[in-house]
Amino acid sequence: MIIDCHTHVWPDPIAKRALAGSVRDLPRRGDGTVDGLRTSMDEAGIDRAICLGIGNTPEQVDKANRFAGGLDPARFTGFGSVHPGLPVEENVAGLRKHGLRGVKIHPMFQQLELDDPRLGAVLDALQGEFIVIVHVGAAGEDPGNRCTPEMLARIVREFPRLDLIACHFGGYRMFERAMEVVCGLPVYLDTSWPPGLASFDPARVRDLVRRHGADRVVFASDWPMADQCAEVEAIHALELSDDDTAAVLGGNAARLLRLDDN
């Protein structure tokens, strides 16, 4: 099984507009629609995708959660949104209401910082029940000061029962800092690095995977900002063992999502 842990889709009527408002310096490899993602997955041999909903403002959270919760569960696992501008209880109740397994936090789009005490209160409430995937590092012209590897490391230490996935190996455009600060911590790292993982020397990525532990790395493309076929090929190009490759491409995510329980 291959599971892509980092994709973005929007309702058809707003997908084009939403995609145009995302990071502008990256090429688009898809149209951001559910059907577009399904076609891309079929071409890449991907069985399941985690689709990340983001409510940039408190008012957008419920809409994002409703859409994520309504995706076809046969192919998609919707992750919703939380926002520190909402009461902690309302954030948690919204996720439960829409049957969501996890949330995406994106400090740039949500205009918040990872060390915001209000966000800490929400993360505390999510421990033991929800998976949290966090953008770490830069984005577009934003240097990433809101979500550094160091901030992520503090979250890992402060909330030890939180199932946490750090996007972009723990620091987009901050690979060396992530290697030093995040590598080895009890956190899952996703492999997304738009416009493509192949832009890295495979030896560097292979070294990070082995140091961090292949059982704590999950395949991710960041579609539609990257080509899913190329990202699967890039994982194979790392020349990990067959067992480690299978774990990264899907086994670790299946365990985290508790797919075997279903």
C-alpha atoms as a PDB file:
ATOM      1  CA  MET A   1       0.000   0.000   0.000  1.00  0.00           C
ATOM      2  CA  ILE A   2       1.200   3.511  -0.854  1.00  0.00           C
ATOM      3  CA  ILE A   3      -0.200   6.388   1.198  1.00  0.00           C
ATOM      4  CA  ASP A   4       0.480  10.025   0.380  1.00  0.00           C
ATOM      5  CA  CYS A   5       0.355  11.886   3.698  1.00  0.00           C
ATOM      6  CA  HIS A   6       0.344  15.429   2.312  1.00  0.00           C
ATOM      7  CA  THR A   7      -2.095  16.548  -0.385  1.00  0.00           C
ATOM      8  CA  HIS A   8      -4.407  19.522  -0.854  1.00  0.00           C
ATOM      9  CA  VAL A   9      -7.848  19.606  -2.465  1.00  0.00           C
ATOM     10  CA  TRP A  10     -10.694  22.089  -2.452  1.00  0.00           C
ATOM     11  CA  PRO A  11     -14.347  22.029  -3.537  1.00  0.00           C
ATOM     12  CA  ASP A  12     -14.588  22.262  -7.319  1.00  0.00           C
ATOM     13  CA  PRO A  13     -16.146  25.773  -7.411  1.00  0.00           C
ATOM     14  CA  ILE A  14     -13.240  27.319  -5.491  1.00  0.00           C
ATOM     15  CA  ALA A  15     -10.283  25.050  -6.341  1.00  0.00           C
ATOM     16  CA  LYS A  16      -8.851  27.322  -9.035  1.00  0.00           C
ATOM     17  CA  ARG A  17      -9.075  30.411  -6.841  1.00  0.00           C
ATOM     18  CA  ALA A  18      -7.718  28.636  -3.757  1.00  0.00           C
ATOM     19  CA  LEU A  19      -4.790  27.203  -5.694  1.00  0.00           C
ATOM     20  CA  ALA A  20      -3.968  30.613  -7.124  1.00  0.00           C
ATOM     21  CA  GLY A  21      -3.758  31.977  -3.577  1.00  0.00           C
ATOM     22  CA  SER A  22      -1.297  29.354  -2.368  1.00  0.00           C
ATOM     23  CA  VAL A  23       2.504  29.583  -2.551  1.00  0.00           C
ATOM     24  CA  ARG A  24       3.184  31.409  -5.802  1.00  0.00           C
ATOM     25  CA  ASP A  25       6.760  30.391  -6.563  1.00  0.00           C
ATOM     26  CA  LEU A  26       5.937  26.699  -7.035  1.00  0.00           C
ATOM     27  CA  PRO A  27       4.719  25.044 -10.252  1.00  0.00           C
ATOM     28  CA  ARG A  28       1.256  23.490 -10.226  1.00  0.00           C
ATOM     29  CA  ARG A  29       1.120  19.765 -11.003  1.00  0.00           C
ATOM     30  CA  GLY A  30      -2.648  19.453 -10.739  1.00  0.00           C
ATOM     31  CA  ASP A  31      -5.859  21.420 -10.501  1.00  0.00           C
ATOM     32  CA  GLY A  32      -6.537  20.988  -6.780  1.00  0.00           C
ATOM     33  CA  THR A  33      -9.837  19.138  -7.288  1.00  0.00           C
ATOM     34  CA  VAL A  34     -10.776  15.786  -5.783  1.00  0.00           C
ATOM     35  CA  ASP A  35     -11.118  14.198  -9.235  1.00  0.00           C
ATOM     36  CA  GLY A  36      -7.742  15.616 -10.237  1.00  0.00           C
ATOM     37  CA  LEU A  37      -6.115  14.076  -7.178  1.00  0.00           C
ATOM     38  CA  ARG A  38      -7.803  10.730  -7.776  1.00  0.00           C
ATOM     39  CA  THR A  39      -6.493  10.655 -11.361  1.00  0.00           C
ATOM     40  CA  SER A  40      -2.986  11.547 -10.204  1.00  0.00           C
ATOM     41  CA  MET A  41      -3.087   8.826  -7.530  1.00  0.00           C
ATOM     42  CA  ASP A  42      -4.163   6.221 -10.074  1.00  0.00           C
ATOM     43  CA  GLU A  43      -1.301   7.186 -12.390  1.00  0.00           C
ATOM     44  CA  ALA A  44       1.223   6.978  -9.529  1.00  0.00           C
ATOM     45  CA  GLY A  45      -0.119   3.757  -7.997  1.00  0.00           C
ATOM     46  CA  ILE A  46      -1.093   5.518  -4.760  1.00  0.00           C
ATOM     47  CA  ASP A  47      -3.820   3.787  -2.771  1.00  0.00           C
ATOM     48  CA  ARG A  48      -4.772   6.483  -0.263  1.00  0.00           C
ATOM     49  CA  ALA A  49      -4.132  10.162   0.339  1.00  0.00           C
ATOM     50  CA  ILE A  50      -4.419  12.329   3.416  1.00  0.00           C
ATOM     51  CA  CYS A  51      -6.117  15.551   2.299  1.00  0.00           C
ATOM     52  CA  LEU A  52      -5.263  18.537   4.458  1.00  0.00           C
ATOM     53  CA  GLY A  53      -7.893  21.170   5.131  1.00  0.00           C
ATOM     54  CA  ILE A  54      -6.762  24.561   6.420  1.00  0.00           C
ATOM     55  CA  GLY A  55      -9.011  27.197   7.935  1.00  0.00           C
ATOM     56  CA  ASN A  56      -6.974  30.376   7.638  1.00  0.00           C
ATOM     57  CA  THR A  57      -9.325  32.215   9.983  1.00  0.00           C
ATOM     58  CA  PRO A  58     -11.585  31.027  12.805  1.00  0.00           C
ATOM     59  CA  GLU A  59     -14.612  31.616  10.558  1.00  0.00           C
ATOM     60  CA  GLN A  60     -13.264  29.216   7.907  1.00  0.00           C
ATOM     61  CA  VAL A  61     -12.535  26.286  10.216  1.00  0.00           C
ATOM     62  CA  ASP A  62     -15.958  24.644  10.166  1.00  0.00           C
ATOM     63  CA  LYS A  63     -16.219  24.859   6.368  1.00  0.00           C
ATOM     64  CA  ALA A  64     -12.794  23.263   5.976  1.00  0.00           C
ATOM     65  CA  ASN A  65     -13.724  20.510   8.429  1.00  0.00           C
ATOM     66  CA  ARG A  66     -17.064  19.799   6.779  1.00  0.00           C
ATOM     67  CA  PHE A  67     -15.399  19.413   3.373  1.00  0.00           C
ATOM     68  CA  ALA A  68     -12.586  17.219   4.714  1.00  0.00           C
ATOM     69  CA  GLY A  69     -15.040  15.029   6.585  1.00  0.00           C
ATOM     70  CA  GLY A  70     -17.139  14.486   3.451  1.00  0.00           C
ATOM     71  CA  LEU A  71     -14.357  13.044   1.267  1.00  0.00           C
ATOM     72  CA  ASP A  72     -14.664   9.477  -0.027  1.00  0.00           C
ATOM     73  CA  PRO A  73     -13.225   7.320   2.783  1.00  0.00           C
ATOM     74  CA  ALA A  74     -12.300   4.561   0.330  1.00  0.00           C
ATOM     75  CA  ARG A  75      -9.455   6.650  -1.099  1.00  0.00           C
ATOM     76  CA  PHE A  76      -9.071   9.711   1.114  1.00  0.00           C
ATOM     77  CA  THR A  77      -8.494  10.502   4.770  1.00  0.00           C
ATOM     78  CA  GLY A  78      -9.548  14.045   5.488  1.00  0.00           C
ATOM     79  CA  PHE A  79      -7.620  16.084   8.025  1.00  0.00           C
ATOM     80  CA  GLY A  80      -9.348  19.194   9.257  1.00  0.00           C
ATOM     81  CA  SER A  81      -8.334  22.442  10.844  1.00  0.00           C
ATOM     82  CA  VAL A  82      -8.115  24.121  14.220  1.00  0.00           C
ATOM     83  CA  HIS A  83      -7.455  27.736  15.084  1.00  0.00           C
ATOM     84  CA  PRO A  84      -6.343  29.301  18.374  1.00  0.00           C
ATOM     85  CA  GLY A  85      -8.879  32.064  17.751  1.00  0.00           C
ATOM     86  CA  LEU A  86     -11.594  29.543  18.668  1.00  0.00           C
ATOM     87  CA  PRO A  87     -12.163  28.094  22.149  1.00  0.00           C
ATOM     88  CA  VAL A  88     -10.310  24.826  22.730  1.00  0.00           C
ATOM     89  CA  GLU A  89     -13.574  22.943  23.284  1.00  0.00           C
ATOM     90  CA  GLU A  90     -15.018  24.235  20.006  1.00  0.00           C
ATOM     91  CA  ASN A  91     -11.926  23.126  18.077  1.00  0.00           C
ATOM     92  CA  VAL A  92     -12.128  19.591  19.444  1.00  0.00           C
ATOM     93  CA  ALA A  93     -15.912  19.322  19.083  1.00  0.00           C
ATOM     94  CA  GLY A  94     -15.707  20.359  15.423  1.00  0.00           C
ATOM     95  CA  LEU A  95     -13.220  17.623  14.613  1.00  0.00           C
ATOM     96  CA  ARG A  96     -15.343  15.000  16.322  1.00  0.00           C
ATOM     97  CA  LYS A  97     -18.506  16.252  14.661  1.00  0.00           C
ATOM     98  CA  HIS A  98     -17.069  15.696  11.190  1.00  0.00           C
ATOM     99  CA  GLY A  99     -15.336  12.394  12.019  1.00  0.00           C
ATOM    100  CA  LEU A 100     -11.809  13.664  11.384  1.00  0.00           C
ATOM    101  CA  ARG A 101      -8.667  11.773  12.388  1.00  0.00           C
ATOM    102  CA  GLY A 102      -6.279  14.691  12.366  1.00  0.00           C
ATOM    103  CA  VAL A 103      -5.575  18.341  11.633  1.00  0.00           C
ATOM    104  CA  LYS A 104      -3.200  20.483   9.615  1.00  0.00           C
ATOM    105  CA  ILE A 105      -1.574  23.559  11.142  1.00  0.00           C
ATOM    106  CA  HIS A 106       0.016  26.042   8.750  1.00  0.00           C
ATOM    107  CA  PRO A 107       1.439  29.068  10.603  1.00  0.00           C
ATOM    108  CA  MET A 108       1.955  31.133   7.440  1.00  0.00           C
ATOM    109  CA  PHE A 109      -1.583  30.920   6.118  1.00  0.00           C
ATOM    110  CA  GLN A 110      -3.160  31.004   9.572  1.00  0.00           C
ATOM    111  CA  GLN A 111      -1.003  33.915  10.739  1.00  0.00           C
ATOM    112  CA  LEU A 112       0.119  32.274  13.976  1.00  0.00           C
ATOM    113  CA  GLU A 113       3.315  31.078  15.610  1.00  0.00           C
ATOM    114  CA  LEU A 114       4.093  27.575  16.783  1.00  0.00           C
ATOM    115  CA  ASP A 115       4.987  28.846  20.240  1.00  0.00           C
ATOM    116  CA  ASP A 116       1.684  30.740  20.672  1.00  0.00           C
ATOM    117  CA  PRO A 117       0.350  29.683  24.120  1.00  0.00           C
ATOM    118  CA  ARG A 118      -3.186  29.564  22.707  1.00  0.00           C
ATOM    119  CA  LEU A 119      -2.053  26.996  20.144  1.00  0.00           C
ATOM    120  CA  GLY A 120      -0.342  25.060  22.916  1.00  0.00           C
ATOM    121  CA  ALA A 121      -3.668  24.747  24.738  1.00  0.00           C
ATOM    122  CA  VAL A 122      -5.257  23.305  21.586  1.00  0.00           C
ATOM    123  CA  LEU A 123      -2.399  20.852  21.041  1.00  0.00           C
ATOM    124  CA  ASP A 124      -2.710  19.680  24.612  1.00  0.00           C
ATOM    125  CA  ALA A 125      -6.381  18.870  24.021  1.00  0.00           C
ATOM    126  CA  LEU A 126      -5.558  16.956  20.819  1.00  0.00           C
ATOM    127  CA  GLN A 127      -3.088  14.608  22.527  1.00  0.00           C
ATOM    128  CA  GLY A 128      -4.031  10.957  22.421  1.00  0.00           C
ATOM    129  CA  GLU A 129      -6.938  11.406  19.994  1.00  0.00           C
ATOM    130  CA  PHE A 130      -5.894  13.301  16.867  1.00  0.00           C
ATOM    131  CA  ILE A 131      -2.895  13.322  14.546  1.00  0.00           C
ATOM    132  CA  VAL A 132      -1.369  16.763  13.974  1.00  0.00           C
ATOM    133  CA  ILE A 133       0.602  17.611  10.847  1.00  0.00           C
ATOM    134  CA  VAL A 134       2.512  20.897  10.985  1.00  0.00           C
ATOM    135  CA  HIS A 135       4.174  22.964   8.306  1.00  0.00           C
ATOM    136  CA  VAL A 136       7.730  23.709   9.418  1.00  0.00           C
ATOM    137  CA  GLY A 137      10.140  26.044   7.646  1.00  0.00           C
ATOM    138  CA  ALA A 138       9.803  28.633   4.926  1.00  0.00           C
ATOM    139  CA  ALA A 139       7.025  29.111   2.354  1.00  0.00           C
ATOM    140  CA  GLY A 140       7.191  31.341  -0.698  1.00  0.00           C
ATOM    141  CA  GLU A 141       8.758  34.636   0.354  1.00  0.00           C
ATOM    142  CA  ASP A 142       8.143  33.958   4.047  1.00  0.00           C
ATOM    143  CA  PRO A 143      11.428  32.931   5.732  1.00  0.00           C
ATOM    144  CA  GLY A 144       9.656  30.670   8.214  1.00  0.00           C
ATOM    145  CA  ASN A 145      10.244  32.488  11.491  1.00  0.00           C
ATOM    146  CA  ARG A 146       6.779  31.478  12.701  1.00  0.00           C
ATOM    147  CA  CYS A 147       7.536  27.771  12.494  1.00  0.00           C
ATOM    148  CA  THR A 148      11.202  26.891  12.926  1.00  0.00           C
ATOM    149  CA  PRO A 149      12.709  23.473  13.658  1.00  0.00           C
ATOM    150  CA  GLU A 150      13.516  24.744  17.139  1.00  0.00           C
ATOM    151  CA  MET A 151       9.853  25.603  17.783  1.00  0.00           C
ATOM    152  CA  LEU A 152       8.846  22.160  16.562  1.00  0.00           C
ATOM    153  CA  ALA A 153      11.339  20.520  18.918  1.00  0.00           C
ATOM    154  CA  ARG A 154       9.795  22.358  21.850  1.00  0.00           C
ATOM    155  CA  ILE A 155       6.332  21.110  20.878  1.00  0.00           C
ATOM    156  CA  VAL A 156       7.607  17.535  20.724  1.00  0.00           C
ATOM    157  CA  ARG A 157       9.039  17.838  24.224  1.00  0.00           C
ATOM    158  CA  GLU A 158       6.044  19.677  25.686  1.00  0.00           C
ATOM    159  CA  PHE A 159       3.374  17.327  24.296  1.00  0.00           C
ATOM    160  CA  PRO A 160       4.854  13.820  24.413  1.00  0.00           C
ATOM    161  CA  ARG A 161       1.529  12.072  23.745  1.00  0.00           C
ATOM    162  CA  LEU A 162       0.850  14.025  20.567  1.00  0.00           C
ATOM    163  CA  ASP A 163       0.993  12.060  17.295  1.00  0.00           C
ATOM    164  CA  LEU A 164       2.907  14.664  15.315  1.00  0.00           C
ATOM    165  CA  ILE A 165       4.006  14.785  11.674  1.00  0.00           C
ATOM    166  CA  ALA A 166       6.480  17.494  10.675  1.00  0.00           C
ATOM    167  CA  CYS A 167       6.204  18.545   7.045  1.00  0.00           C
ATOM    168  CA  HIS A 168       9.206  18.827   4.760  1.00  0.00           C
ATOM    169  CA  PHE A 169      11.616  16.732   6.862  1.00  0.00           C
ATOM    170  CA  GLY A 170      11.082  19.136   9.754  1.00  0.00           C
ATOM    171  CA  GLY A 171      12.065  22.354   8.000  1.00  0.00           C
ATOM    172  CA  TYR A 172      11.343  23.460   4.423  1.00  0.00           C
ATOM    173  CA  ARG A 173      14.476  25.140   3.055  1.00  0.00           C
ATOM    174  CA  MET A 174      16.029  24.478   6.467  1.00  0.00           C
ATOM    175  CA  PHE A 175      17.249  20.946   5.839  1.00  0.00           C
ATOM    176  CA  GLU A 176      20.543  21.241   7.713  1.00  0.00           C
ATOM    177  CA  ARG A 177      18.873  22.848  10.746  1.00  0.00           C
ATOM    178  CA  ALA A 178      16.272  20.100  10.743  1.00  0.00           C
ATOM    179  CA  MET A 179      19.020  17.476  10.567  1.00  0.00           C
ATOM    180  CA  GLU A 180      20.604  19.011  13.648  1.00  0.00           C
ATOM    181  CA  VAL A 181      17.511  19.908  15.691  1.00  0.00           C
ATOM    182  CA  VAL A 182      14.694  17.526  14.693  1.00  0.00           C
ATOM    183  CA  CYS A 183      16.404  14.367  13.501  1.00  0.00           C
ATOM    184  CA  GLY A 184      16.054  11.655  16.133  1.00  0.00           C
ATOM    185  CA  LEU A 185      13.156  13.220  18.024  1.00  0.00           C
ATOM    186  CA  PRO A 186       9.951  11.169  18.526  1.00  0.00           C
ATOM    187  CA  VAL A 187       8.149  12.802  15.608  1.00  0.00           C
ATOM    188  CA  TYR A 188       7.207  11.609  12.128  1.00  0.00           C
ATOM    189  CA  LEU A 189       8.866  13.434   9.228  1.00  0.00           C
ATOM    190  CA  ASP A 190       7.115  13.748   5.882  1.00  0.00           C
ATOM    191  CA  THR A 191       9.125  13.617   2.661  1.00  0.00           C
ATOM    192  CA  SER A 192       7.456  16.474   0.775  1.00  0.00           C
ATOM    193  CA  TRP A 193       9.883  18.994  -0.711  1.00  0.00           C
ATOM    194  CA  PRO A 194       8.243  20.825  -3.613  1.00  0.00           C
ATOM    195  CA  PRO A 195       8.847  21.132  -6.465  1.00  0.00           C
ATOM    196  CA  GLY A 196      10.334  17.659  -5.981  1.00  0.00           C
ATOM    197  CA  LEU A 197      12.351  15.413  -3.708  1.00  0.00           C
ATOM    198  CA  ALA A 198      14.596  14.565  -6.647  1.00  0.00           C
ATOM    199  CA  SER A 199      16.169  18.015  -6.292  1.00  0.00           C
ATOM    200  CA  PHE A 200      18.079  16.580  -3.319  1.00  0.00           C
ATOM    201  CA  ASP A 201      21.145  14.370  -3.420  1.00  0.00           C
ATOM    202  CA  PRO A 202      19.619  10.977  -2.512  1.00  0.00           C
ATOM    203  CA  ALA A 203      22.569  10.286  -0.227  1.00  0.00           C
ATOM    204  CA  ARG A 204      21.650  13.232   2.014  1.00  0.00           C
ATOM    205  CA  VAL A 205      18.036  12.138   2.298  1.00  0.00           C
ATOM    206  CA  ARG A 206      19.059   8.516   2.844  1.00  0.00           C
ATOM    207  CA  ASP A 207      21.346   9.626   5.675  1.00  0.00           C
ATOM    208  CA  LEU A 208      18.525  11.553   7.361  1.00  0.00           C
ATOM    209  CA  VAL A 209      16.138   8.606   7.049  1.00  0.00           C
ATOM    210  CA  ARG A 210      18.647   6.213   8.572  1.00  0.00           C
ATOM    211  CA  ARG A 211      19.574   8.604  11.394  1.00  0.00           C
ATOM    212  CA  HIS A 212      15.988   9.470  12.232  1.00  0.00           C
ATOM    213  CA  GLY A 213      14.680   5.938  11.738  1.00  0.00           C
ATOM    214  CA  ALA A 214      12.777   4.707   8.686  1.00  0.00           C
ATOM    215  CA  ASP A 215       9.872   3.789  10.978  1.00  0.00           C
ATOM    216  CA  ARG A 216       9.324   7.516  11.620  1.00  0.00           C
ATOM    217  CA  VAL A 217       9.290   8.783   8.021  1.00  0.00           C
ATOM    218  CA  VAL A 218       6.135   8.981   5.879  1.00  0.00           C
ATOM    219  CA  PHE A 219       5.771   9.508   2.149  1.00  0.00           C
ATOM    220  CA  ALA A 220       4.301  12.862   1.162  1.00  0.00           C
ATOM    221  CA  SER A 221       4.112  14.785  -2.100  1.00  0.00           C
ATOM    222  CA  ASP A 222       2.367  18.127  -1.336  1.00  0.00           C
ATOM    223  CA  TRP A 223       0.202  17.617  -4.439  1.00  0.00           C
ATOM    224  CA  PRO A 224      -0.688  19.648  -6.453  1.00  0.00           C
ATOM    225  CA  MET A 225       2.659  21.369  -5.819  1.00  0.00           C
ATOM    226  CA  ALA A 226       4.578  18.249  -6.876  1.00  0.00           C
ATOM    227  CA  ASP A 227       4.195  15.316  -9.265  1.00  0.00           C
ATOM    228  CA  GLN A 228       3.109  12.223  -7.339  1.00  0.00           C
ATOM    229  CA  CYS A 229       4.651   9.813  -9.867  1.00  0.00           C
ATOM    230  CA  ALA A 230       8.011  11.569  -9.574  1.00  0.00           C
ATOM    231  CA  GLU A 231       7.804  11.592  -5.773  1.00  0.00           C
ATOM    232  CA  VAL A 232       7.213   7.825  -5.601  1.00  0.00           C
ATOM    233  CA  GLU A 233      10.167   7.316  -7.942  1.00  0.00           C
ATOM    234  CA  ALA A 234      12.318   9.566  -5.736  1.00  0.00           C
ATOM    235  CA  ILE A 235      11.608   7.356  -2.707  1.00  0.00           C
ATOM    236  CA  HIS A 236      12.685   4.272  -4.652  1.00  0.00           C
ATOM    237  CA  ALA A 237      15.812   6.161  -5.781  1.00  0.00           C
ATOM    238  CA  LEU A 238      16.924   6.422  -2.155  1.00  0.00           C
ATOM    239  CA  GLU A 239      17.802   2.717  -2.382  1.00  0.00           C
ATOM    240  CA  LEU A 240      16.653   1.901   1.125  1.00  0.00           C
ATOM    241  CA  SER A 241      16.038  -1.715   2.025  1.00  0.00           C
ATOM    242  CA  ASP A 242      12.802  -3.214   0.709  1.00  0.00           C
ATOM    243  CA  ASP A 243      11.333  -3.222   4.211  1.00  0.00           C
ATOM    244  CA  ASP A 244      12.271   0.414   4.860  1.00  0.00           C
ATOM    245  CA  THR A 245      10.947   1.508   1.473  1.00  0.00           C
ATOM    246  CA  ALA A 246       7.635  -0.212   2.130  1.00  0.00           C
ATOM    247  CA  ALA A 247       7.450   1.385   5.585  1.00  0.00           C
ATOM    248  CA  VAL A 248       8.089   4.887   4.260  1.00  0.00           C
ATOM    249  CA  LEU A 249       5.726   4.568   1.299  1.00  0.00           C
ATOM    250  CA  GLY A 250       2.791   3.333   3.334  1.00  0.00           C
ATOM    251  CA  GLY A 251       3.417   1.041   6.260  1.00  0.00           C
ATOM    252  CA  ASN A 252       4.179   3.768   8.769  1.00  0.00           C
ATOM    253  CA  ALA A 253       1.168   5.843   7.751  1.00  0.00           C
ATOM    254  CA  ALA A 254      -1.113   2.803   7.866  1.00  0.00           C
ATOM    255  CA  ARG A 255       0.020   2.156  11.424  1.00  0.00           C
ATOM    256  CA  LEU A 256      -0.402   5.795  12.407  1.00  0.00           C
ATOM    257  CA  LEU A 257      -3.882   5.935  10.863  1.00  0.00           C
ATOM    258  CA  ARG A 258      -4.724   2.559  12.432  1.00  0.00           C
ATOM    259  CA  LEU A 259      -5.982   1.248   9.124  1.00  0.00           C
ATOM    260  CA  ASP A 260      -5.563  -2.323  10.313  1.00  0.00           C
ATOM    261  CA  ASP A 261      -8.127  -1.605  13.028  1.00  0.00           C
ATOM    262  CA  ASN A 262     -10.683  -1.047  10.300  1.00  0.00           C
END
